[in-house]
N, C-alpha and C. Protein backbone atom coordinates (compact mmCIF):
# COMPACT_ATOMS: atom_id res chain seq x y z
N MET A 1 0.94 -1.02 -0.05
CA MET A 1 0.20 0.13 0.09
C MET A 1 1.36 1.12 -0.09
N ALA A 2 0.71 2.13 -1.02
CA ALA A 2 1.22 2.98 -0.97
C ALA A 2 1.43 4.43 0.78
N TRP A 3 1.84 5.05 0.58
CA TRP A 3 1.97 5.86 1.71
C TRP A 3 0.99 7.17 1.28
N ASP A 4 0.20 7.55 1.81
CA ASP A 4 -0.08 8.85 1.48
C ASP A 4 0.27 10.03 2.41
N THR A 5 1.24 10.38 1.86
CA THR A 5 2.23 11.76 2.04
C THR A 5 1.52 12.88 2.49
N ASP A 6 0.76 13.34 0.82
CA ASP A 6 -0.44 14.33 1.34
C ASP A 6 -0.89 14.93 2.51
N GLY A 7 -1.60 13.33 2.47
CA GLY A 7 -2.65 13.36 3.75
C GLY A 7 -1.59 13.75 5.14
N THR A 8 -0.99 12.07 5.08
CA THR A 8 -0.15 12.84 6.91
C THR A 8 0.63 13.84 6.60
N LYS A 9 0.80 15.11 5.66
CA LYS A 9 1.31 16.50 6.13
C LYS A 9 0.05 16.95 6.49
N ARG A 10 -0.49 17.01 6.20
CA ARG A 10 -2.26 17.82 6.16
C ARG A 10 -2.55 17.21 7.66
N ARG A 11 -2.32 15.97 8.26
CA ARG A 11 -2.49 15.58 9.74
C ARG A 11 -1.44 16.25 10.45
N LEU A 12 -0.32 16.42 10.28
CA LEU A 12 0.71 16.50 11.04
C LEU A 12 0.41 18.53 11.41
N ARG A 13 0.08 19.45 10.10
CA ARG A 13 0.16 20.58 10.08
C ARG A 13 -1.37 20.58 10.79
N ASP A 14 -2.24 19.96 10.56
CA ASP A 14 -3.93 20.26 11.64
C ASP A 14 -3.57 20.23 12.94
N ALA A 15 -2.63 19.16 13.30
CA ALA A 15 -2.45 19.25 14.49
C ALA A 15 -1.49 19.87 15.19
N ALA A 16 -0.79 20.21 14.32
CA ALA A 16 0.41 21.80 14.68
C ALA A 16 -0.37 23.06 15.32
N LEU A 17 -0.99 22.97 14.67
CA LEU A 17 -2.58 24.09 14.33
C LEU A 17 -2.82 24.33 15.63
N ILE A 18 -3.57 23.24 16.00
CA ILE A 18 -4.04 22.93 17.59
C ILE A 18 -3.71 23.26 18.77
N GLU A 19 -2.40 22.41 18.55
CA GLU A 19 -1.78 22.67 19.54
C GLU A 19 -0.58 23.85 19.32
N PHE A 20 0.06 24.48 18.79
CA PHE A 20 0.24 26.26 19.08
C PHE A 20 -0.57 26.68 18.91
N ALA A 21 -1.96 27.02 18.40
CA ALA A 21 -2.91 27.88 19.44
C ALA A 21 -3.15 27.89 20.83
N ALA A 22 -2.98 26.33 20.94
CA ALA A 22 -3.30 26.32 22.62
C ALA A 22 -2.10 26.30 23.44
N ARG A 23 -0.94 26.10 23.00
CA ARG A 23 -0.04 26.06 23.96
C ARG A 23 1.37 27.15 23.23
N GLY A 24 0.84 27.85 22.00
CA GLY A 24 1.75 28.39 21.64
C GLY A 24 3.37 27.75 21.32
N PHE A 25 4.42 28.49 20.61
CA PHE A 25 5.48 27.70 20.21
C PHE A 25 6.20 26.83 21.06
N GLU A 26 6.90 27.25 22.60
CA GLU A 26 7.73 27.17 23.10
C GLU A 26 6.70 26.20 23.74
N GLY A 27 5.46 26.13 24.45
CA GLY A 27 4.67 24.89 24.93
C GLY A 27 3.95 23.94 23.94
N THR A 28 4.54 24.00 22.99
CA THR A 28 4.16 22.80 22.09
C THR A 28 5.09 22.22 22.34
N THR A 29 5.43 20.42 22.18
CA THR A 29 6.13 19.27 21.80
C THR A 29 5.97 18.65 20.87
N VAL A 30 7.21 18.26 19.96
CA VAL A 30 6.97 17.69 18.79
C VAL A 30 6.24 16.24 18.91
N ALA A 31 6.39 15.60 20.63
CA ALA A 31 6.32 14.45 20.53
C ALA A 31 4.11 15.03 20.94
N SER A 32 4.09 16.13 21.09
CA SER A 32 2.55 16.37 21.61
C SER A 32 1.51 16.45 19.82
N ILE A 33 2.25 17.31 18.98
CA ILE A 33 1.83 16.93 17.29
C ILE A 33 1.65 15.71 16.88
N ALA A 34 2.80 15.08 16.94
CA ALA A 34 2.75 13.68 16.78
C ALA A 34 1.57 12.55 17.36
N ALA A 35 1.48 12.90 18.41
CA ALA A 35 0.69 11.80 19.32
C ALA A 35 -0.97 12.34 18.75
N ARG A 36 -1.08 13.84 18.59
CA ARG A 36 -2.72 14.24 17.94
C ARG A 36 -2.42 13.91 16.74
N SER A 37 -1.81 14.14 16.14
CA SER A 37 -1.68 13.37 14.64
C SER A 37 -1.60 11.64 14.28
N GLY A 38 -0.76 11.21 15.05
CA GLY A 38 -1.20 9.81 14.92
C GLY A 38 -0.15 9.16 14.37
N VAL A 39 0.57 10.25 14.17
CA VAL A 39 1.82 10.12 13.14
C VAL A 39 3.12 10.12 13.60
N ASN A 40 4.08 9.58 13.73
CA ASN A 40 5.29 9.23 14.49
C ASN A 40 6.67 10.94 14.07
N LYS A 41 7.17 10.56 15.23
CA LYS A 41 7.99 12.09 15.19
C LYS A 41 8.65 12.51 14.09
N GLU A 42 9.24 11.01 13.95
CA GLU A 42 10.00 11.25 12.43
C GLU A 42 9.49 11.81 11.12
N ARG A 43 8.47 11.27 10.65
CA ARG A 43 7.64 11.82 9.90
C ARG A 43 7.70 13.18 10.11
N LEU A 44 7.68 13.58 10.98
CA LEU A 44 7.29 15.28 11.58
C LEU A 44 8.63 15.85 10.62
N TYR A 45 9.75 15.27 11.42
CA TYR A 45 11.33 15.77 10.77
C TYR A 45 11.46 15.72 9.58
N SER A 46 11.35 14.47 9.28
CA SER A 46 11.33 14.19 7.66
C SER A 46 10.48 15.98 7.16
N TYR A 47 9.42 15.55 7.29
CA TYR A 47 8.87 16.43 5.87
C TYR A 47 8.72 18.00 6.54
N PHE A 48 8.81 17.89 7.29
CA PHE A 48 9.21 20.01 8.10
C PHE A 48 10.40 20.38 8.63
N GLY A 49 11.34 19.65 8.74
CA GLY A 49 12.70 19.73 9.02
C GLY A 49 12.67 19.82 10.64
N ASP A 50 11.92 20.46 11.26
CA ASP A 50 11.95 20.98 12.74
C ASP A 50 10.42 21.79 13.03
N LYS A 51 10.38 21.70 14.53
CA LYS A 51 9.60 22.03 15.32
C LYS A 51 9.28 23.87 14.81
N LYS A 52 10.14 24.84 14.53
CA LYS A 52 10.62 25.75 14.08
C LYS A 52 9.56 25.86 12.36
N ALA A 53 10.51 25.07 12.31
CA ALA A 53 9.94 25.10 10.71
C ALA A 53 8.09 25.21 10.33
N LEU A 54 8.04 24.15 11.25
CA LEU A 54 6.10 24.02 10.95
C LEU A 54 5.74 24.77 11.89
N TRP A 55 6.03 25.42 13.26
CA TRP A 55 5.40 26.79 13.25
C TRP A 55 4.93 27.75 12.06
N GLU A 56 6.38 28.35 11.57
CA GLU A 56 6.30 29.21 10.47
C GLU A 56 5.21 28.92 9.32
N LEU A 57 5.80 27.36 9.08
CA LEU A 57 4.40 26.14 7.88
C LEU A 57 3.12 27.23 8.30
N VAL A 58 2.57 26.38 9.68
CA VAL A 58 0.86 26.92 10.09
C VAL A 58 1.10 28.06 10.06
N LEU A 59 1.94 28.86 10.38
CA LEU A 59 1.73 30.49 11.01
C LEU A 59 0.80 31.15 9.43
N ALA A 60 2.42 30.90 9.03
CA ALA A 60 2.10 31.15 7.13
C ALA A 60 0.42 30.92 6.20
N THR A 61 0.30 29.44 6.26
CA THR A 61 -0.65 28.96 6.13
C THR A 61 -1.95 29.47 6.10
N GLU A 62 -1.47 29.71 7.59
CA GLU A 62 -3.01 30.37 8.12
C GLU A 62 -3.56 31.86 8.31
N LEU A 63 -2.47 32.60 7.88
CA LEU A 63 -2.50 34.16 7.16
C LEU A 63 -2.65 33.87 5.40
N GLU A 64 -2.22 32.97 4.38
CA GLU A 64 -2.36 32.57 3.05
C GLU A 64 -4.13 32.74 3.23
N ARG A 65 -4.32 32.17 3.87
CA ARG A 65 -5.94 31.63 4.42
C ARG A 65 -7.02 33.08 4.17
N LEU A 66 -6.58 33.01 5.17
CA LEU A 66 -7.07 34.88 5.85
C LEU A 66 -7.21 35.83 4.52
N SER A 67 -5.58 35.85 3.88
CA SER A 67 -5.84 36.85 2.99
C SER A 67 -6.65 36.11 1.42
N ALA A 68 -6.59 34.84 1.36
CA ALA A 68 -7.25 34.60 0.16
C ALA A 68 -9.07 35.01 0.27
N ALA A 69 -9.44 34.25 1.84
CA ALA A 69 -10.70 34.97 2.27
C ALA A 69 -11.23 36.14 2.24
N VAL A 70 -10.36 37.27 2.14
CA VAL A 70 -10.64 38.67 2.79
C VAL A 70 -10.27 39.06 1.60
N GLU A 71 -10.60 39.43 0.60
CA GLU A 71 -9.59 40.32 -0.25
C GLU A 71 -10.27 41.90 0.06
N LEU A 72 -9.59 42.73 -0.72
CA LEU A 72 -9.91 44.21 -0.43
C LEU A 72 -11.17 44.13 -1.64
N THR A 73 -12.34 44.69 -1.77
CA THR A 73 -12.72 44.56 -2.65
C THR A 73 -12.69 46.20 -3.90
N GLY A 74 -12.13 45.58 -4.87
CA GLY A 74 -11.84 46.54 -6.20
C GLY A 74 -10.70 47.54 -5.66
N VAL A 75 -9.96 48.68 -6.24
CA VAL A 75 -9.36 49.06 -6.62
C VAL A 75 -9.31 50.29 -5.17
N ALA A 76 -10.71 50.89 -4.85
CA ALA A 76 -11.03 52.19 -5.10
C ALA A 76 -11.45 51.59 -3.42
N LEU A 77 -11.40 50.37 -3.25
CA LEU A 77 -11.92 50.32 -1.65
C LEU A 77 -13.57 50.55 -1.82
N ASP A 78 -14.52 50.46 -2.59
CA ASP A 78 -15.76 50.54 -2.28
C ASP A 78 -16.42 50.89 -1.14
N ASP A 79 -16.21 49.65 -0.68
CA ASP A 79 -16.62 49.21 0.78
C ASP A 79 -15.99 49.02 1.47
N ILE A 80 -15.31 50.15 2.32
CA ILE A 80 -14.64 49.67 3.67
C ILE A 80 -15.18 48.76 4.92
N GLY A 81 -16.62 48.91 5.07
CA GLY A 81 -17.28 48.51 5.76
C GLY A 81 -17.30 47.01 5.46
N GLU A 82 -17.84 46.61 4.53
CA GLU A 82 -17.60 44.92 4.43
C GLU A 82 -16.19 44.32 4.04
N PHE A 83 -15.48 45.24 3.82
CA PHE A 83 -13.47 45.00 3.92
C PHE A 83 -13.82 44.47 5.66
N ALA A 84 -13.84 45.08 6.23
CA ALA A 84 -13.79 44.28 7.73
C ALA A 84 -14.56 43.50 8.30
N GLY A 85 -15.84 43.58 7.64
CA GLY A 85 -17.19 42.71 7.93
C GLY A 85 -16.19 41.21 7.60
N ALA A 86 -15.84 41.19 6.76
CA ALA A 86 -15.01 40.30 6.18
C ALA A 86 -14.18 39.55 7.18
N THR A 87 -13.45 40.41 7.17
CA THR A 87 -12.56 39.97 8.05
C THR A 87 -12.97 39.91 9.75
N TYR A 88 -14.20 40.39 10.08
CA TYR A 88 -14.45 39.66 11.19
C TYR A 88 -14.94 38.34 11.06
N ASP A 89 -16.01 37.99 9.84
CA ASP A 89 -16.49 36.96 9.99
C ASP A 89 -15.21 35.57 9.73
N TYR A 90 -14.11 36.12 9.29
CA TYR A 90 -12.81 34.63 8.94
C TYR A 90 -12.30 34.38 10.82
N HIS A 91 -12.38 35.99 11.27
CA HIS A 91 -11.81 35.79 12.27
C HIS A 91 -12.86 34.93 13.35
N ALA A 92 -13.97 34.70 13.07
CA ALA A 92 -14.94 34.37 13.91
C ALA A 92 -15.10 32.80 14.03
N ALA A 93 -14.95 32.34 12.59
CA ALA A 93 -14.61 30.96 12.20
C ALA A 93 -13.33 30.42 12.36
N HIS A 94 -12.15 31.48 12.47
CA HIS A 94 -11.08 30.54 12.68
C HIS A 94 -10.48 31.20 14.16
N PRO A 95 -10.71 31.21 14.97
CA PRO A 95 -10.81 31.93 16.19
C PRO A 95 -8.96 31.47 16.58
N GLU A 96 -8.55 30.54 16.22
CA GLU A 96 -7.01 29.94 16.10
C GLU A 96 -6.25 30.91 15.44
N LEU A 97 -6.58 31.26 14.84
CA LEU A 97 -5.41 32.31 13.88
C LEU A 97 -5.26 33.38 15.14
N GLY A 98 -6.50 34.72 16.32
CA GLY A 98 -5.57 35.12 16.77
C GLY A 98 -5.12 35.14 17.46
N ARG A 99 -5.09 33.47 18.03
CA ARG A 99 -4.62 32.87 19.54
C ARG A 99 -3.35 32.54 18.77
N LEU A 100 -2.71 31.87 17.63
CA LEU A 100 -1.43 32.18 17.33
C LEU A 100 -0.65 33.28 16.90
N LEU A 101 -1.28 34.77 16.66
CA LEU A 101 -0.83 35.60 16.30
C LEU A 101 -0.43 36.20 17.93
N GLN A 102 -1.32 36.12 18.99
CA GLN A 102 -0.62 36.34 20.74
C GLN A 102 0.38 36.00 20.88
N TRP A 103 0.45 34.36 20.98
CA TRP A 103 1.51 33.81 21.02
C TRP A 103 3.16 34.45 20.25
N GLU A 104 2.82 34.12 18.91
CA GLU A 104 3.73 35.01 17.95
C GLU A 104 4.61 36.25 18.46
N GLY A 105 3.47 37.41 19.22
CA GLY A 105 3.71 38.78 19.89
C GLY A 105 4.41 38.40 21.20
N LEU A 106 4.53 36.89 22.04
CA LEU A 106 4.94 36.75 22.87
C LEU A 106 6.43 36.71 22.75
N GLN A 107 6.45 36.27 21.78
CA GLN A 107 8.14 35.59 20.99
C GLN A 107 8.92 36.75 21.52
N ALA A 108 10.27 36.36 21.52
CA ALA A 108 11.48 37.19 21.29
C ALA A 108 12.14 37.57 19.98
N SER A 109 11.81 36.29 19.19
CA SER A 109 12.40 36.21 18.23
C SER A 109 11.61 36.83 16.76
N GLN A 110 12.05 36.92 16.12
CA GLN A 110 11.37 37.30 14.71
C GLN A 110 9.93 36.53 14.12
N PRO A 111 9.07 37.32 13.79
CA PRO A 111 8.15 37.13 13.18
C PRO A 111 8.14 36.06 12.18
N ALA A 112 7.12 35.24 12.22
CA ALA A 112 7.00 34.18 11.02
C ALA A 112 7.03 35.09 10.05
N HIS A 113 8.20 34.67 8.64
CA HIS A 113 8.10 35.01 7.21
C HIS A 113 7.78 36.79 7.36
N ALA A 114 8.30 37.18 8.25
CA ALA A 114 8.27 38.84 8.43
C ALA A 114 8.04 39.96 6.89
N ALA A 115 9.48 39.54 6.33
CA ALA A 115 9.48 40.47 4.94
C ALA A 115 8.02 40.01 4.12
N VAL A 116 7.48 38.87 3.82
CA VAL A 116 6.44 38.07 3.10
C VAL A 116 5.19 39.08 3.64
N ARG A 117 5.16 38.96 4.80
CA ARG A 117 3.92 39.91 5.41
C ARG A 117 4.00 41.17 5.46
N THR A 118 5.29 41.60 6.06
CA THR A 118 5.40 42.92 5.69
C THR A 118 4.97 43.63 4.50
N THR A 119 5.17 43.53 3.33
CA THR A 119 4.81 43.52 1.76
C THR A 119 3.90 43.81 1.56
N HIS A 120 3.08 42.51 2.02
CA HIS A 120 1.50 42.10 1.81
C HIS A 120 0.72 43.50 2.92
N TYR A 121 0.81 43.90 3.66
CA TYR A 121 0.61 44.88 4.39
C TYR A 121 0.81 45.96 3.99
N ARG A 122 1.53 46.32 3.42
CA ARG A 122 2.24 47.99 3.09
C ARG A 122 1.28 47.49 1.36
N GLU A 123 1.10 46.60 1.16
CA GLU A 123 0.45 46.68 0.24
C GLU A 123 -0.90 47.46 -0.14
N LYS A 124 -1.49 46.89 1.07
CA LYS A 124 -2.58 47.46 1.86
C LYS A 124 -2.71 49.00 1.88
N VAL A 125 -1.96 48.80 2.89
CA VAL A 125 -1.60 50.97 3.52
C VAL A 125 -1.68 51.70 2.02
N ALA A 126 -0.64 51.01 0.78
CA ALA A 126 -0.69 51.96 -0.29
C ALA A 126 -2.42 52.21 -1.32
N ARG A 127 -3.20 50.75 -0.92
CA ARG A 127 -4.07 50.66 -1.35
C ARG A 127 -5.25 52.00 -0.72
N PHE A 128 -4.81 52.04 0.43
CA PHE A 128 -5.70 52.84 1.47
C PHE A 128 -5.22 54.34 1.07
N ALA A 129 -4.26 54.76 1.11
CA ALA A 129 -3.73 55.33 0.64
C ALA A 129 -4.11 56.42 -0.99
N THR A 130 -4.39 55.61 -1.25
CA THR A 130 -4.58 55.67 -2.82
C THR A 130 -6.25 56.04 -2.81
N ALA A 131 -6.52 55.57 -2.04
CA ALA A 131 -7.96 55.55 -2.06
C ALA A 131 -8.92 56.53 -1.33
N GLN A 132 -7.39 57.28 -0.52
CA GLN A 132 -7.39 58.30 -0.03
C GLN A 132 -7.77 59.89 -0.78
N ARG A 133 -6.25 59.58 -1.63
CA ARG A 133 -6.35 60.28 -2.85
C ARG A 133 -7.73 61.08 -3.29
N ASP A 134 -8.47 59.90 -3.70
CA ASP A 134 -9.43 59.64 -4.80
C ASP A 134 -10.36 60.34 -4.26
N GLY A 135 -10.22 60.41 -2.73
CA GLY A 135 -11.56 60.67 -2.16
C GLY A 135 -12.06 60.10 -1.42
N LEU A 136 -11.97 58.70 -1.29
CA LEU A 136 -13.17 57.62 -1.01
C LEU A 136 -13.02 57.24 0.53
N LEU A 137 -11.58 57.39 1.01
CA LEU A 137 -11.43 57.34 2.36
C LEU A 137 -11.01 59.00 3.22
N ASP A 138 -11.17 58.83 4.22
CA ASP A 138 -11.13 60.36 5.21
C ASP A 138 -9.07 60.40 5.00
N ARG A 139 -8.65 61.33 3.75
CA ARG A 139 -7.62 61.88 4.32
C ARG A 139 -6.81 62.01 5.41
N ASP A 140 -7.69 62.10 6.41
CA ASP A 140 -6.86 63.29 7.52
C ASP A 140 -6.18 61.98 8.49
N ILE A 141 -6.59 60.36 7.85
CA ILE A 141 -6.11 59.42 8.91
C ILE A 141 -5.01 58.73 8.28
N ASP A 142 -3.74 58.95 9.06
CA ASP A 142 -2.87 57.91 8.40
C ASP A 142 -3.59 57.10 7.98
N PRO A 143 -2.79 55.98 6.88
CA PRO A 143 -3.98 54.92 5.94
C PRO A 143 -3.28 53.66 6.66
N ALA A 144 -1.85 53.89 7.39
CA ALA A 144 -1.45 52.66 8.17
C ALA A 144 -1.86 52.47 9.63
N HIS A 145 -2.42 53.59 9.88
CA HIS A 145 -2.96 53.48 11.18
C HIS A 145 -4.33 52.51 10.88
N LEU A 146 -4.82 53.30 9.98
CA LEU A 146 -6.49 52.77 9.63
C LEU A 146 -6.46 51.37 9.28
N VAL A 147 -5.31 50.38 8.69
CA VAL A 147 -5.62 49.24 8.54
C VAL A 147 -5.24 48.43 9.47
N PHE A 148 -4.33 49.07 10.82
CA PHE A 148 -4.68 48.15 11.68
C PHE A 148 -5.64 48.62 12.68
N ALA A 149 -6.24 49.45 12.32
CA ALA A 149 -7.44 49.80 12.97
C ALA A 149 -8.63 48.90 13.00
N LEU A 150 -8.74 48.99 11.56
CA LEU A 150 -9.47 47.81 11.11
C LEU A 150 -9.69 46.22 11.32
N ILE A 151 -8.30 46.17 11.18
CA ILE A 151 -8.27 44.99 11.67
C ILE A 151 -8.15 44.21 12.96
N ALA A 152 -7.86 45.11 14.04
CA ALA A 152 -8.03 45.29 15.69
C ALA A 152 -9.53 45.20 15.53
N LEU A 153 -10.39 45.93 14.91
CA LEU A 153 -11.85 46.35 15.35
C LEU A 153 -12.12 45.36 14.94
N ALA A 154 -12.05 44.52 14.21
CA ALA A 154 -12.70 42.98 13.19
C ALA A 154 -12.48 42.33 14.11
N ALA A 155 -11.25 41.88 14.78
CA ALA A 155 -10.54 40.92 15.28
C ALA A 155 -10.44 40.64 16.29
N TRP A 156 -10.46 41.78 17.18
CA TRP A 156 -10.50 41.65 18.24
C TRP A 156 -11.44 40.86 19.43
N TRP A 157 -12.37 40.77 19.16
CA TRP A 157 -13.33 40.11 19.40
C TRP A 157 -13.18 38.42 19.25
N GLN A 158 -12.52 38.54 18.60
CA GLN A 158 -12.37 36.44 18.72
C GLN A 158 -10.96 36.23 19.68
N THR A 159 -9.89 37.39 19.39
CA THR A 159 -8.58 37.60 20.32
C THR A 159 -9.64 37.46 21.67
N VAL A 160 -10.21 38.55 22.11
CA VAL A 160 -10.03 38.51 23.51
C VAL A 160 -11.47 38.03 24.00
N PRO A 161 -12.10 37.12 23.95
CA PRO A 161 -13.43 36.82 23.60
C PRO A 161 -14.07 36.75 25.33
N GLN A 162 -13.27 36.49 26.28
CA GLN A 162 -13.47 36.85 27.81
C GLN A 162 -14.06 38.17 27.89
N LEU A 163 -12.98 39.29 27.34
CA LEU A 163 -13.25 41.08 27.56
C LEU A 163 -14.90 41.28 26.72
N ALA A 164 -15.14 40.76 25.55
CA ALA A 164 -16.15 41.08 24.85
C ALA A 164 -17.36 40.65 25.50
N GLU A 165 -17.10 39.41 26.42
CA GLU A 165 -18.09 38.58 27.00
C GLU A 165 -18.60 39.42 28.08
N MET A 166 -17.64 39.89 29.07
CA MET A 166 -17.56 40.63 30.04
C MET A 166 -18.46 41.96 29.62
N ILE A 167 -18.16 42.36 28.51
CA ILE A 167 -18.56 43.77 28.43
C ILE A 167 -20.01 43.57 27.74
N THR A 168 -20.61 42.90 27.13
CA THR A 168 -21.68 42.83 26.33
C THR A 168 -22.35 41.58 27.15
N GLY A 169 -22.18 40.82 28.21
CA GLY A 169 -22.83 40.06 28.76
C GLY A 169 -23.06 38.95 28.04
N ALA A 170 -22.62 38.09 26.84
CA ALA A 170 -22.65 37.54 26.00
C ALA A 170 -21.38 36.69 25.12
N GLY A 171 -21.83 35.63 24.94
CA GLY A 171 -20.57 34.54 24.33
C GLY A 171 -20.41 34.92 23.34
N PRO A 172 -19.27 33.59 22.94
CA PRO A 172 -19.06 34.22 21.12
C PRO A 172 -19.99 33.30 20.27
N ASP A 173 -20.72 32.07 21.27
CA ASP A 173 -21.97 31.00 20.25
C ASP A 173 -23.29 31.42 20.14
N ASP A 174 -23.30 32.75 20.91
CA ASP A 174 -24.51 33.74 21.07
C ASP A 174 -24.75 34.15 19.64
N GLN A 175 -25.84 34.08 18.66
CA GLN A 175 -25.58 33.89 17.62
C GLN A 175 -25.85 35.34 17.24
N PRO A 176 -27.32 35.82 17.73
CA PRO A 176 -27.91 36.88 17.38
C PRO A 176 -26.93 38.67 17.43
N GLU A 177 -25.93 37.90 19.16
CA GLU A 177 -24.86 38.87 19.09
C GLU A 177 -23.86 39.17 18.68
N ARG A 178 -23.15 37.57 18.14
CA ARG A 178 -22.42 37.55 16.84
C ARG A 178 -22.47 38.65 15.61
N ALA A 179 -23.92 38.59 15.35
CA ALA A 179 -24.68 39.27 13.79
C ALA A 179 -24.45 40.45 14.15
N ALA A 180 -24.77 41.04 16.07
CA ALA A 180 -24.90 42.22 16.19
C ALA A 180 -23.23 42.64 16.04
N ARG A 181 -22.66 41.64 16.63
CA ARG A 181 -20.98 42.71 16.55
C ARG A 181 -20.79 42.87 15.22
N ARG A 182 -20.63 42.06 14.29
CA ARG A 182 -20.58 41.94 12.75
C ARG A 182 -21.42 43.55 12.27
N ARG A 183 -22.17 43.65 12.78
CA ARG A 183 -23.31 44.92 12.14
C ARG A 183 -22.28 46.41 12.69
N PHE A 184 -21.55 46.42 13.83
CA PHE A 184 -21.46 47.03 14.55
C PHE A 184 -19.64 47.72 13.61
N VAL A 185 -19.26 46.26 13.52
CA VAL A 185 -17.86 46.36 13.08
C VAL A 185 -18.14 47.15 11.71
N VAL A 186 -18.68 46.69 10.83
CA VAL A 186 -19.19 47.33 9.59
C VAL A 186 -19.27 48.60 9.75
N GLU A 187 -20.17 49.14 10.94
CA GLU A 187 -20.97 50.37 10.49
C GLU A 187 -19.63 51.54 11.15
N ALA A 188 -19.03 50.94 11.96
CA ALA A 188 -17.84 51.66 12.98
C ALA A 188 -16.82 51.81 11.93
N ALA A 189 -16.10 50.52 10.87
CA ALA A 189 -15.35 50.92 9.90
C ALA A 189 -15.98 52.25 8.87
N ARG A 190 -17.23 51.66 8.23
CA ARG A 190 -17.35 53.05 7.72
C ARG A 190 -17.57 54.22 7.92
N ARG A 191 -17.54 54.47 9.38
CA ARG A 191 -17.68 55.88 10.10
C ARG A 191 -16.22 56.24 10.64
N ILE A 192 -15.71 55.46 10.82
CA ILE A 192 -14.09 55.81 10.83
C ILE A 192 -13.13 56.32 9.42
N ALA A 193 -13.84 55.45 8.23
CA ALA A 193 -13.00 55.87 7.42
C ALA A 193 -13.68 56.86 6.58
N SER A 194 -14.54 57.04 6.84
CA SER A 194 -15.76 57.75 5.22
C SER A 194 -15.13 59.24 5.45
N PRO A 195 -15.10 59.68 4.38
CA PRO A 195 -14.63 61.23 4.16
C PRO A 195 -15.52 62.05 4.58
N SER A 196 -17.05 61.92 4.39
CA SER A 196 -18.27 62.65 4.93
C SER A 196 -18.27 62.72 6.67
N HIS A 197 -17.48 61.94 7.37
CA HIS A 197 -17.82 61.62 8.79
C HIS A 197 -17.87 63.17 9.24
N ARG A 198 -16.93 63.73 9.60
CA ARG A 198 -16.53 65.09 10.21
C ARG A 198 -17.53 65.62 10.26
């Protein structure tokens, strides 16, 4: 019987995502990933090299999935609110991404794939700046700050769900509250960025 290399790699990546999100890079062991995946440690080393390489792959893969799911609509950023809403939806469906980013922020080392990620975000900033020059977004807001604020506005609900529940009285599984939070994110993003808001 042929070995299912792709399936084995996927099982290892999926197990690593769960382990890294729960325990961070330092708290996760190769043994715990292997045990969760049902694959021996030697396969992990053979396919990915080491734990650090797997950590970087998991984080890069999750960020690529976010990027593919939440594209800026049009060069003109016609609806900044829906961009923020789509970002909210993705983080609500994938709360492990916020946890990975929090764990990464606690590390003293360089962020995973920092150059590629920086280029990606700087391209967003440039598009926001173009939309400002075209009069579609408020020109008085620093475009880099606006990009960061919209991501935080959309993602922070899932990143610190305990705080959201303390403030609103509703947990992340409360569907009416989740819909209300999304509506708030969309409207707040529009108001923050609107050139006619002042």
